[in-house]
Protein backbone atom coordinates (compact mmCIF):
# COMPACT_ATOMS: atom_id res chain seq x y z
CA MET A 1 13.03 33.40 20.57
CA ALA A 2 11.16 30.78 22.54
CA VAL A 3 13.10 27.71 23.82
CA PRO A 4 11.40 25.20 25.98
CA LYS A 5 13.41 25.08 29.66
CA ARG A 6 12.68 21.38 30.22
CA LYS A 7 12.03 18.64 27.98
CA THR A 8 8.78 17.47 27.53
CA SER A 9 8.19 13.63 29.08
CA LYS A 10 6.74 10.90 27.16
CA ALA A 11 3.49 11.11 29.02
CA LYS A 12 2.92 14.43 28.38
CA ARG A 13 4.05 13.97 24.95
CA ASN A 14 1.78 10.93 24.20
CA SER A 15 -1.45 12.15 25.97
CA ARG A 16 -1.22 15.09 23.61
CA GLN A 17 -0.60 12.89 20.28
CA SER A 18 -3.59 10.50 21.54
CA ALA A 19 -6.32 12.32 19.86
CA ASN A 20 -4.81 11.79 16.91
CA MET A 21 -5.51 7.93 17.04
CA LYS A 22 -8.94 8.15 18.31
CA LYS A 23 -9.97 9.37 14.72
CA ASN A 24 -11.11 6.92 12.52
CA ALA A 25 -11.37 6.64 8.64
CA PRO A 26 -14.55 7.72 6.65
CA GLY A 27 -17.42 4.96 6.45
CA LEU A 28 -18.09 3.69 2.78
CA SER A 29 -21.13 3.64 1.16
CA ILE A 30 -21.87 1.20 -1.52
CA CYS A 31 -23.26 2.78 -4.96
CA PRO A 32 -26.38 2.12 -6.40
CA GLN A 33 -25.57 2.34 -9.73
CA CYS A 34 -22.12 0.46 -10.68
CA HIS A 35 -21.56 -1.26 -6.64
CA GLU A 36 -18.55 -0.04 -6.03
CA PRO A 37 -17.79 1.64 -2.53
CA LYS A 38 -17.67 5.59 -2.46
CA LEU A 39 -17.72 8.01 0.46
CA PRO A 40 -21.16 8.99 1.32
CA HIS A 41 -22.84 12.24 0.13
CA ARG A 42 -20.25 12.80 -2.90
CA VAL A 43 -20.20 11.64 -6.34
CA CYS A 44 -19.22 8.50 -7.38
CA PRO A 45 -15.79 8.22 -8.73
CA ASN A 46 -16.33 5.31 -11.13
CA CYS A 47 -19.22 6.07 -12.56
CA GLY A 48 -20.12 9.82 -12.19
CA HIS A 49 -23.48 9.16 -10.40
CA TYR A 50 -25.45 10.88 -7.54
CA ASP A 51 -28.45 10.62 -6.03
CA GLY A 52 -29.72 8.46 -9.06
CA LYS A 53 -28.38 11.16 -11.91
CA ASP A 54 -25.80 11.38 -13.93
CA VAL A 55 -24.10 14.74 -12.87
CA VAL A 56 -20.45 13.89 -14.01
CA GLY A 57 -21.14 11.98 -18.03
CA GLU A 58 -23.19 14.70 -19.10
């Protein structure tokens, strides 16, 4: 089994983990039907509308 020969330095560890810190939260858009925040290009979880059509409550 592979075992590290040396302890990974703080600089090496932090530079590897810094790529995850650059990620941003997804932007929210406003549903035109119920005016609640929702993820873009997805069905509104509150009212079930997408692209002006009722797709969940059929």
